[in-house]
Structure formats: C-alpha cells, structure tokens
C-alpha cells in the first residue's frame, strides 16, 4: 500500500523540534552538565596549544581525558533519562557515575577501530602516493577531507547505537545491531535525528581549523552545546521507541 503522506508528515519535524526544545530546557535547568561537555570538547585544542612537546605526562593526561570523555558520553544520556523521569541528580552524582560507561564505550570504540583504522590508513597512503609532489598543507587538507568522508557516515550509522548501549544493553555488538536496525525500522520519522549527528557537527573544525585559539575555542564550545542538545533529542526519540532495560541502568545514578 502506497504511503500518500507528504515528506513533511513522514519526517515529523514537529517531533524533532519538540525533543530539541525539551533537551534545551533540561540543560538550561542544570547548565553544569553543558559546562562539562564544553570543557571536554575544548580540552584537545587548548591542551595541544599549551603542551609544547610530548612527554609521558602529556600522553597520560590525554589517555585519562579520552577515557573520561567516553564515560561522559553515556552520562549525558543518563542525565536526559533522569530529567524525563523527573529525577533530580547533582553534578557530583553524574561525575561519580562516569566509570559505569567507560568499559562499554571502550568496547564500542575498539569494534569501530578495527573497521575504520585500516580504511583510514589506506586512504592516507593513497593520498600521499597520488600526489607526492603536492605541498604538505594540501596533502594534510586532503587527508582531513578523506577522514570526514569516513567519520560522518559512521557517525550517522551510530545515531541510536550509543543510546542502545546506555539504555538497552551492555554489549557493544548488540548495541550496534539494535541502533542500525532502528534507523531502518523508524525511517523516515527518524530522518532529522539521523541527519543531525553530534560528532559530524565538529568535523568542520577538523577540516578547516583556525590558528586563532580564541575563535577555535568559541566555535568548539558552540558545537559542543549543539551536540549535547542533539544527543538529548535523539535520546528522547529512542526512549519513546524502546523501553529502558532496568538491569542495564541499575545503580548508575
């Protein structure tokens, strides 16, 4: 049977706008969550600017920061779940719960890395061999563009995977299957959520970085806030489609 609804009705933009506004209100009521997210996004460019050379300390700081960011990615979604359920949580509770999600997101990152790393490596090698006489700046720009061509589609595919990993299962592999299947099952209603992926929002900073630190930090902060709201709206959509697994979120907050 042919669906006679208009594209506007199929995409249900009013639902996306409602969820986005809902996420914005949640963040407005507890802005400390947004401040932590912004600080984490701004840390890499700021740290690279301040750290004049690599050392064991800088490597350790970067490793700890990456692990914390992975755990915080789950906490951001738990914050929106708590807000939906009318549960008040403090920033201290959120920070203390970060370790609950580090392992899950590390496993997901490892799964993705096994697929992405060989592809990116091949693209970088081909870029260098295709234009060996090209200036280094041009080759770096080409590599960044190729990287975005890999990262953005993957981030789109992961739209609901992270929510599945937080709300439904501890298994990274099962979360991948649930998240990818959910795009197919809910399309085109999920179209606007899928086409507004958080990580892809920051790719402009990667492809076209600016040497002016203040401008780069301001841009990154704005993208971090927008990404947080996108995560909140996506979490709201996911929670309407699938129930929360009590054993998966138990004792987190």
C-alpha atoms as a PDB file:
ATOM      1  CA  UNK A   1       0.000   0.000   0.000  1.00  0.00           C
ATOM      2  CA  UNK A   2       1.413   3.348  -1.065  1.00  0.00           C
ATOM      3  CA  UNK A   3       2.032   5.961   1.624  1.00  0.00           C
ATOM      4  CA  UNK A   4       0.261   9.135   0.453  1.00  0.00           C
ATOM      5  CA  UNK A   5       1.605  11.350   3.225  1.00  0.00           C
ATOM      6  CA  UNK A   6       3.799  14.325   2.351  1.00  0.00           C
ATOM      7  CA  UNK A   7       7.518  14.286   3.047  1.00  0.00           C
ATOM      8  CA  UNK A   8       6.939  16.786   5.853  1.00  0.00           C
ATOM      9  CA  UNK A   9       4.485  14.407   7.522  1.00  0.00           C
ATOM     10  CA  UNK A  10       6.832  11.435   7.095  1.00  0.00           C
ATOM     11  CA  UNK A  11       9.809  13.254   8.642  1.00  0.00           C
ATOM     12  CA  UNK A  12       7.660  14.524  11.542  1.00  0.00           C
ATOM     13  CA  UNK A  13       9.755  17.675  12.078  1.00  0.00           C
ATOM     14  CA  UNK A  14       7.479  18.787  14.903  1.00  0.00           C
ATOM     15  CA  UNK A  15       8.651  15.810  16.961  1.00  0.00           C
ATOM     16  CA  UNK A  16      12.299  16.688  16.377  1.00  0.00           C
ATOM     17  CA  UNK A  17      11.724  20.329  17.311  1.00  0.00           C
ATOM     18  CA  UNK A  18       9.779  19.314  20.424  1.00  0.00           C
ATOM     19  CA  UNK A  19      12.546  16.934  21.520  1.00  0.00           C
ATOM     20  CA  UNK A  20      15.241  19.527  20.815  1.00  0.00           C
ATOM     21  CA  UNK A  21      13.423  22.150  22.882  1.00  0.00           C
ATOM     22  CA  UNK A  22      12.874  19.593  25.651  1.00  0.00           C
ATOM     23  CA  UNK A  23      16.614  18.850  25.715  1.00  0.00           C
ATOM     24  CA  UNK A  24      17.400  22.576  25.774  1.00  0.00           C
ATOM     25  CA  UNK A  25      15.123  23.094  28.782  1.00  0.00           C
ATOM     26  CA  UNK A  26      16.774  20.206  30.620  1.00  0.00           C
ATOM     27  CA  UNK A  27      20.224  21.701  30.020  1.00  0.00           C
ATOM     28  CA  UNK A  28      19.020  25.192  30.942  1.00  0.00           C
ATOM     29  CA  UNK A  29      17.822  23.878  34.314  1.00  0.00           C
ATOM     30  CA  UNK A  30      21.199  22.256  35.007  1.00  0.00           C
ATOM     31  CA  UNK A  31      23.833  24.124  32.940  1.00  0.00           C
ATOM     32  CA  UNK A  32      26.706  22.442  34.795  1.00  0.00           C
ATOM     33  CA  UNK A  33      26.221  19.405  32.506  1.00  0.00           C
ATOM     34  CA  UNK A  34      26.746  21.570  29.442  1.00  0.00           C
ATOM     35  CA  UNK A  35      29.817  23.185  31.014  1.00  0.00           C
ATOM     36  CA  UNK A  36      31.477  19.794  31.497  1.00  0.00           C
ATOM     37  CA  UNK A  37      30.667  18.764  27.912  1.00  0.00           C
ATOM     38  CA  UNK A  38      32.013  22.041  26.552  1.00  0.00           C
ATOM     39  CA  UNK A  39      35.179  21.736  28.646  1.00  0.00           C
ATOM     40  CA  UNK A  40      35.815  18.234  27.308  1.00  0.00           C
ATOM     41  CA  UNK A  41      35.374  19.341  23.698  1.00  0.00           C
ATOM     42  CA  UNK A  42      37.606  22.372  24.208  1.00  0.00           C
ATOM     43  CA  UNK A  43      40.343  20.460  26.014  1.00  0.00           C
ATOM     44  CA  UNK A  44      42.094  18.942  22.921  1.00  0.00           C
ATOM     45  CA  UNK A  45      42.755  22.246  21.066  1.00  0.00           C
ATOM     46  CA  UNK A  46      43.625  24.040  24.304  1.00  0.00           C
ATOM     47  CA  UNK A  47      45.946  21.281  25.515  1.00  0.00           C
ATOM     48  CA  UNK A  48      47.684  20.978  22.136  1.00  0.00           C
ATOM     49  CA  UNK A  49      48.264  24.730  22.222  1.00  0.00           C
ATOM     50  CA  UNK A  50      49.687  24.699  25.749  1.00  0.00           C
ATOM     51  CA  UNK A  51      51.720  21.491  25.530  1.00  0.00           C
ATOM     52  CA  UNK A  52      54.908  22.428  23.686  1.00  0.00           C
ATOM     53  CA  UNK A  53      56.218  18.853  23.408  1.00  0.00           C
ATOM     54  CA  UNK A  54      55.112  15.305  24.009  1.00  0.00           C
ATOM     55  CA  UNK A  55      56.073  13.509  27.171  1.00  0.00           C
ATOM     56  CA  UNK A  56      54.880  10.653  29.338  1.00  0.00           C
ATOM     57  CA  UNK A  57      52.777  13.112  31.319  1.00  0.00           C
ATOM     58  CA  UNK A  58      51.001  14.543  28.265  1.00  0.00           C
ATOM     59  CA  UNK A  59      50.298  11.027  26.950  1.00  0.00           C
ATOM     60  CA  UNK A  60      48.848  10.018  30.325  1.00  0.00           C
ATOM     61  CA  UNK A  61      46.714  13.167  30.511  1.00  0.00           C
ATOM     62  CA  UNK A  62      45.380  12.536  27.011  1.00  0.00           C
ATOM     63  CA  UNK A  63      44.589   8.894  27.816  1.00  0.00           C
ATOM     64  CA  UNK A  64      42.727   9.776  31.018  1.00  0.00           C
ATOM     65  CA  UNK A  65      40.816  12.513  29.199  1.00  0.00           C
ATOM     66  CA  UNK A  66      39.767  10.174  26.383  1.00  0.00           C
ATOM     67  CA  UNK A  67      38.525   7.555  28.859  1.00  0.00           C
ATOM     68  CA  UNK A  68      36.609  10.186  30.810  1.00  0.00           C
ATOM     69  CA  UNK A  69      35.054  11.512  27.579  1.00  0.00           C
ATOM     70  CA  UNK A  70      33.885   8.017  26.660  1.00  0.00           C
ATOM     71  CA  UNK A  71      32.261   7.565  30.059  1.00  0.00           C
ATOM     72  CA  UNK A  72      30.735  11.048  29.984  1.00  0.00           C
ATOM     73  CA  UNK A  73      29.121  10.248  26.642  1.00  0.00           C
ATOM     74  CA  UNK A  74      26.952   7.726  28.476  1.00  0.00           C
ATOM     75  CA  UNK A  75      26.321  10.040  31.419  1.00  0.00           C
ATOM     76  CA  UNK A  76      24.953  12.751  29.138  1.00  0.00           C
ATOM     77  CA  UNK A  77      22.217  10.375  28.031  1.00  0.00           C
ATOM     78  CA  UNK A  78      21.564   9.216  31.583  1.00  0.00           C
ATOM     79  CA  UNK A  79      21.096  12.867  32.525  1.00  0.00           C
ATOM     80  CA  UNK A  80      18.302  13.182  29.969  1.00  0.00           C
ATOM     81  CA  UNK A  81      16.732   9.928  31.194  1.00  0.00           C
ATOM     82  CA  UNK A  82      16.733  11.264  34.759  1.00  0.00           C
ATOM     83  CA  UNK A  83      15.172  14.504  33.540  1.00  0.00           C
ATOM     84  CA  UNK A  84      12.447  12.597  31.681  1.00  0.00           C
ATOM     85  CA  UNK A  85      11.644  10.593  34.807  1.00  0.00           C
ATOM     86  CA  UNK A  86      11.591  13.711  36.994  1.00  0.00           C
ATOM     87  CA  UNK A  87      14.601  12.515  38.967  1.00  0.00           C
ATOM     88  CA  UNK A  88      16.970  15.165  40.302  1.00  0.00           C
ATOM     89  CA  UNK A  89      20.669  14.378  40.001  1.00  0.00           C
ATOM     90  CA  UNK A  90      23.616  16.504  41.043  1.00  0.00           C
ATOM     91  CA  UNK A  91      26.754  17.093  39.022  1.00  0.00           C
ATOM     92  CA  UNK A  92      28.702  15.177  41.673  1.00  0.00           C
ATOM     93  CA  UNK A  93      26.463  12.129  41.107  1.00  0.00           C
ATOM     94  CA  UNK A  94      26.931  12.379  37.361  1.00  0.00           C
ATOM     95  CA  UNK A  95      30.706  12.650  37.616  1.00  0.00           C
ATOM     96  CA  UNK A  96      30.884   9.743  40.061  1.00  0.00           C
ATOM     97  CA  UNK A  97      28.927   7.559  37.621  1.00  0.00           C
ATOM     98  CA  UNK A  98      31.292   8.080  34.664  1.00  0.00           C
ATOM     99  CA  UNK A  99      33.201   4.781  35.290  1.00  0.00           C
ATOM    100  CA  UNK A 100      29.989   2.797  34.730  1.00  0.00           C
ATOM    101  CA  UNK A 101      30.125   3.578  30.997  1.00  0.00           C
ATOM    102  CA  UNK A 102      33.845   3.655  30.247  1.00  0.00           C
ATOM    103  CA  UNK A 103      34.087  -0.089  29.571  1.00  0.00           C
ATOM    104  CA  UNK A 104      31.017  -0.159  27.317  1.00  0.00           C
ATOM    105  CA  UNK A 105      32.203   2.706  25.141  1.00  0.00           C
ATOM    106  CA  UNK A 106      35.792   1.435  25.018  1.00  0.00           C
ATOM    107  CA  UNK A 107      34.489  -1.860  23.611  1.00  0.00           C
ATOM    108  CA  UNK A 108      32.403   0.029  21.059  1.00  0.00           C
ATOM    109  CA  UNK A 109      35.415   2.154  20.093  1.00  0.00           C
ATOM    110  CA  UNK A 110      37.540  -0.982  19.654  1.00  0.00           C
ATOM    111  CA  UNK A 111      34.928  -2.582  17.390  1.00  0.00           C
ATOM    112  CA  UNK A 112      34.738   0.527  15.254  1.00  0.00           C
ATOM    113  CA  UNK A 113      38.506   0.949  15.258  1.00  0.00           C
ATOM    114  CA  UNK A 114      39.028  -2.491  13.762  1.00  0.00           C
ATOM    115  CA  UNK A 115      36.934  -1.402  10.780  1.00  0.00           C
ATOM    116  CA  UNK A 116      37.798   2.282  10.491  1.00  0.00           C
ATOM    117  CA  UNK A 117      41.560   2.238  11.079  1.00  0.00           C
ATOM    118  CA  UNK A 118      42.501   0.071   8.048  1.00  0.00           C
ATOM    119  CA  UNK A 119      40.242   2.162   5.791  1.00  0.00           C
ATOM    120  CA  UNK A 120      41.657   5.475   7.013  1.00  0.00           C
ATOM    121  CA  UNK A 121      45.225   4.177   6.758  1.00  0.00           C
ATOM    122  CA  UNK A 122      44.671   3.102   3.148  1.00  0.00           C
ATOM    123  CA  UNK A 123      43.161   6.474   2.274  1.00  0.00           C
ATOM    124  CA  UNK A 124      46.090   8.349   3.801  1.00  0.00           C
ATOM    125  CA  UNK A 125      48.655   6.180   1.955  1.00  0.00           C
ATOM    126  CA  UNK A 126      46.811   6.628  -1.338  1.00  0.00           C
ATOM    127  CA  UNK A 127      46.641  10.392  -0.818  1.00  0.00           C
ATOM    128  CA  UNK A 128      50.413  10.596  -0.290  1.00  0.00           C
ATOM    129  CA  UNK A 129      51.244   8.380  -3.273  1.00  0.00           C
ATOM    130  CA  UNK A 130      48.755  10.003  -5.644  1.00  0.00           C
ATOM    131  CA  UNK A 131      50.250  13.478  -5.240  1.00  0.00           C
ATOM    132  CA  UNK A 132      53.788  13.049  -3.874  1.00  0.00           C
ATOM    133  CA  UNK A 133      54.888  16.450  -5.171  1.00  0.00           C
ATOM    134  CA  UNK A 134      51.931  18.324  -3.646  1.00  0.00           C
ATOM    135  CA  UNK A 135      52.643  20.747  -0.782  1.00  0.00           C
ATOM    136  CA  UNK A 136      52.322  19.311   2.700  1.00  0.00           C
ATOM    137  CA  UNK A 137      49.439  21.668   3.506  1.00  0.00           C
ATOM    138  CA  UNK A 138      47.468  20.395   0.512  1.00  0.00           C
ATOM    139  CA  UNK A 139      48.110  16.763   1.446  1.00  0.00           C
ATOM    140  CA  UNK A 140      47.016  17.345   5.053  1.00  0.00           C
ATOM    141  CA  UNK A 141      43.825  19.064   3.850  1.00  0.00           C
ATOM    142  CA  UNK A 142      43.102  16.121   1.536  1.00  0.00           C
ATOM    143  CA  UNK A 143      43.633  13.652   4.368  1.00  0.00           C
ATOM    144  CA  UNK A 144      41.251  15.586   6.622  1.00  0.00           C
ATOM    145  CA  UNK A 145      38.620  15.636   3.903  1.00  0.00           C
ATOM    146  CA  UNK A 146      39.006  11.890   3.385  1.00  0.00           C
ATOM    147  CA  UNK A 147      38.746  11.358   7.129  1.00  0.00           C
ATOM    148  CA  UNK A 148      35.457  13.247   7.212  1.00  0.00           C
ATOM    149  CA  UNK A 149      34.143  11.081   4.367  1.00  0.00           C
ATOM    150  CA  UNK A 150      34.664   8.052   6.624  1.00  0.00           C
ATOM    151  CA  UNK A 151      33.731   9.513  10.009  1.00  0.00           C
ATOM    152  CA  UNK A 152      30.491  11.265   9.043  1.00  0.00           C
ATOM    153  CA  UNK A 153      28.731   8.185   7.559  1.00  0.00           C
ATOM    154  CA  UNK A 154      29.824   6.123  10.560  1.00  0.00           C
ATOM    155  CA  UNK A 155      28.517   8.758  12.949  1.00  0.00           C
ATOM    156  CA  UNK A 156      25.198   8.749  11.107  1.00  0.00           C
ATOM    157  CA  UNK A 157      25.005   4.968  11.469  1.00  0.00           C
ATOM    158  CA  UNK A 158      25.762   5.316  15.200  1.00  0.00           C
ATOM    159  CA  UNK A 159      22.863   7.728  15.831  1.00  0.00           C
ATOM    160  CA  UNK A 160      20.935   5.269  18.019  1.00  0.00           C
ATOM    161  CA  UNK A 161      23.773   2.868  18.841  1.00  0.00           C
ATOM    162  CA  UNK A 162      25.030   4.949  21.760  1.00  0.00           C
ATOM    163  CA  UNK A 163      21.527   5.226  23.216  1.00  0.00           C
ATOM    164  CA  UNK A 164      21.136   1.451  22.887  1.00  0.00           C
ATOM    165  CA  UNK A 165      24.442   0.980  24.706  1.00  0.00           C
ATOM    166  CA  UNK A 166      23.246   3.179  27.571  1.00  0.00           C
ATOM    167  CA  UNK A 167      19.584   2.210  27.900  1.00  0.00           C
ATOM    168  CA  UNK A 168      19.214  -1.300  26.468  1.00  0.00           C
ATOM    169  CA  UNK A 169      22.367  -3.413  26.559  1.00  0.00           C
ATOM    170  CA  UNK A 170      25.934  -3.512  27.872  1.00  0.00           C
ATOM    171  CA  UNK A 171      27.075  -5.370  24.751  1.00  0.00           C
ATOM    172  CA  UNK A 172      28.696  -3.129  22.144  1.00  0.00           C
ATOM    173  CA  UNK A 173      27.978  -5.639  19.376  1.00  0.00           C
ATOM    174  CA  UNK A 174      24.283  -5.934  20.282  1.00  0.00           C
ATOM    175  CA  UNK A 175      24.023  -2.136  20.574  1.00  0.00           C
ATOM    176  CA  UNK A 176      25.372  -1.828  17.024  1.00  0.00           C
ATOM    177  CA  UNK A 177      22.745  -4.215  15.717  1.00  0.00           C
ATOM    178  CA  UNK A 178      19.920  -2.520  17.640  1.00  0.00           C
ATOM    179  CA  UNK A 179      20.958   1.002  16.652  1.00  0.00           C
ATOM    180  CA  UNK A 180      21.431   0.309  12.945  1.00  0.00           C
ATOM    181  CA  UNK A 181      18.199  -1.693  12.777  1.00  0.00           C
ATOM    182  CA  UNK A 182      16.320   1.134  14.486  1.00  0.00           C
ATOM    183  CA  UNK A 183      17.202   3.550  11.677  1.00  0.00           C
ATOM    184  CA  UNK A 184      15.654   1.167   9.168  1.00  0.00           C
ATOM    185  CA  UNK A 185      12.613   0.450  11.326  1.00  0.00           C
ATOM    186  CA  UNK A 186      11.773   4.083  12.089  1.00  0.00           C
ATOM    187  CA  UNK A 187      12.705   5.697   8.769  1.00  0.00           C
ATOM    188  CA  UNK A 188      11.694   8.344   7.678  1.00  0.00           C
ATOM    189  CA  UNK A 189      10.422   9.504  11.093  1.00  0.00           C
ATOM    190  CA  UNK A 190      13.971   9.313  12.391  1.00  0.00           C
ATOM    191  CA  UNK A 191      15.389  11.227   9.428  1.00  0.00           C
ATOM    192  CA  UNK A 192      16.051  14.524  11.190  1.00  0.00           C
ATOM    193  CA  UNK A 193      17.599  12.772  14.200  1.00  0.00           C
ATOM    194  CA  UNK A 194      19.871  10.722  11.942  1.00  0.00           C
ATOM    195  CA  UNK A 195      20.955  13.718   9.874  1.00  0.00           C
ATOM    196  CA  UNK A 196      21.909  15.721  12.956  1.00  0.00           C
ATOM    197  CA  UNK A 197      24.716  13.547  14.382  1.00  0.00           C
ATOM    198  CA  UNK A 198      26.787  15.137  17.174  1.00  0.00           C
ATOM    199  CA  UNK A 199      30.244  14.093  16.046  1.00  0.00           C
ATOM    200  CA  UNK A 200      29.720  15.210  12.460  1.00  0.00           C
ATOM    201  CA  UNK A 201      28.979  18.712  13.744  1.00  0.00           C
ATOM    202  CA  UNK A 202      32.608  19.031  14.821  1.00  0.00           C
ATOM    203  CA  UNK A 203      34.094  17.888  11.514  1.00  0.00           C
ATOM    204  CA  UNK A 204      34.172  21.466  10.204  1.00  0.00           C
ATOM    205  CA  UNK A 205      36.609  22.287  12.993  1.00  0.00           C
ATOM    206  CA  UNK A 206      38.787  19.376  11.910  1.00  0.00           C
ATOM    207  CA  UNK A 207      38.714  20.101   8.185  1.00  0.00           C
ATOM    208  CA  UNK A 208      39.011  23.867   8.458  1.00  0.00           C
ATOM    209  CA  UNK A 209      40.874  24.582  11.697  1.00  0.00           C
ATOM    210  CA  UNK A 210      41.764  28.146  12.565  1.00  0.00           C
ATOM    211  CA  UNK A 211      45.061  29.256  14.048  1.00  0.00           C
ATOM    212  CA  UNK A 212      43.279  31.770  16.267  1.00  0.00           C
ATOM    213  CA  UNK A 213      42.827  29.853  19.517  1.00  0.00           C
ATOM    214  CA  UNK A 214      40.032  32.044  20.893  1.00  0.00           C
ATOM    215  CA  UNK A 215      37.966  31.651  17.714  1.00  0.00           C
ATOM    216  CA  UNK A 216      38.520  27.897  17.627  1.00  0.00           C
ATOM    217  CA  UNK A 217      37.526  27.504  21.285  1.00  0.00           C
ATOM    218  CA  UNK A 218      34.397  29.612  20.778  1.00  0.00           C
ATOM    219  CA  UNK A 219      33.388  27.568  17.728  1.00  0.00           C
ATOM    220  CA  UNK A 220      34.087  24.299  19.519  1.00  0.00           C
ATOM    221  CA  UNK A 221      32.068  25.411  22.557  1.00  0.00           C
ATOM    222  CA  UNK A 222      29.080  26.253  20.364  1.00  0.00           C
ATOM    223  CA  UNK A 223      29.286  22.919  18.566  1.00  0.00           C
ATOM    224  CA  UNK A 224      29.619  21.092  21.902  1.00  0.00           C
ATOM    225  CA  UNK A 225      26.405  22.659  23.173  1.00  0.00           C
ATOM    226  CA  UNK A 226      24.598  21.890  19.928  1.00  0.00           C
ATOM    227  CA  UNK A 227      25.858  18.308  20.066  1.00  0.00           C
ATOM    228  CA  UNK A 228      24.592  17.907  23.640  1.00  0.00           C
ATOM    229  CA  UNK A 229      21.121  19.066  22.611  1.00  0.00           C
ATOM    230  CA  UNK A 230      21.202  16.713  19.618  1.00  0.00           C
ATOM    231  CA  UNK A 231      22.073  13.823  21.948  1.00  0.00           C
ATOM    232  CA  UNK A 232      19.167  14.788  24.208  1.00  0.00           C
ATOM    233  CA  UNK A 233      16.659  14.909  21.357  1.00  0.00           C
ATOM    234  CA  UNK A 234      17.916  11.589  19.976  1.00  0.00           C
ATOM    235  CA  UNK A 235      17.687  10.006  23.428  1.00  0.00           C
ATOM    236  CA  UNK A 236      14.082  11.245  23.737  1.00  0.00           C
ATOM    237  CA  UNK A 237      13.196   9.645  20.393  1.00  0.00           C
ATOM    238  CA  UNK A 238      14.903   6.374  21.330  1.00  0.00           C
ATOM    239  CA  UNK A 239      13.157   6.189  24.704  1.00  0.00           C
ATOM    240  CA  UNK A 240       9.764   6.531  23.003  1.00  0.00           C
ATOM    241  CA  UNK A 241      10.563   3.630  20.697  1.00  0.00           C
ATOM    242  CA  UNK A 242      12.185   1.221  23.151  1.00  0.00           C
ATOM    243  CA  UNK A 243      11.736   0.680  26.900  1.00  0.00           C
ATOM    244  CA  UNK A 244      14.658   1.077  29.252  1.00  0.00           C
ATOM    245  CA  UNK A 245      16.232  -2.158  30.486  1.00  0.00           C
ATOM    246  CA  UNK A 246      16.264  -1.760  34.309  1.00  0.00           C
ATOM    247  CA  UNK A 247      19.240  -4.081  34.786  1.00  0.00           C
ATOM    248  CA  UNK A 248      21.336  -2.058  32.317  1.00  0.00           C
ATOM    249  CA  UNK A 249      20.832   1.317  34.002  1.00  0.00           C
ATOM    250  CA  UNK A 250      20.551  -0.016  37.555  1.00  0.00           C
ATOM    251  CA  UNK A 251      22.821   1.638  40.127  1.00  0.00           C
ATOM    252  CA  UNK A 252      24.229   4.118  37.589  1.00  0.00           C
ATOM    253  CA  UNK A 253      22.737   7.191  39.283  1.00  0.00           C
END
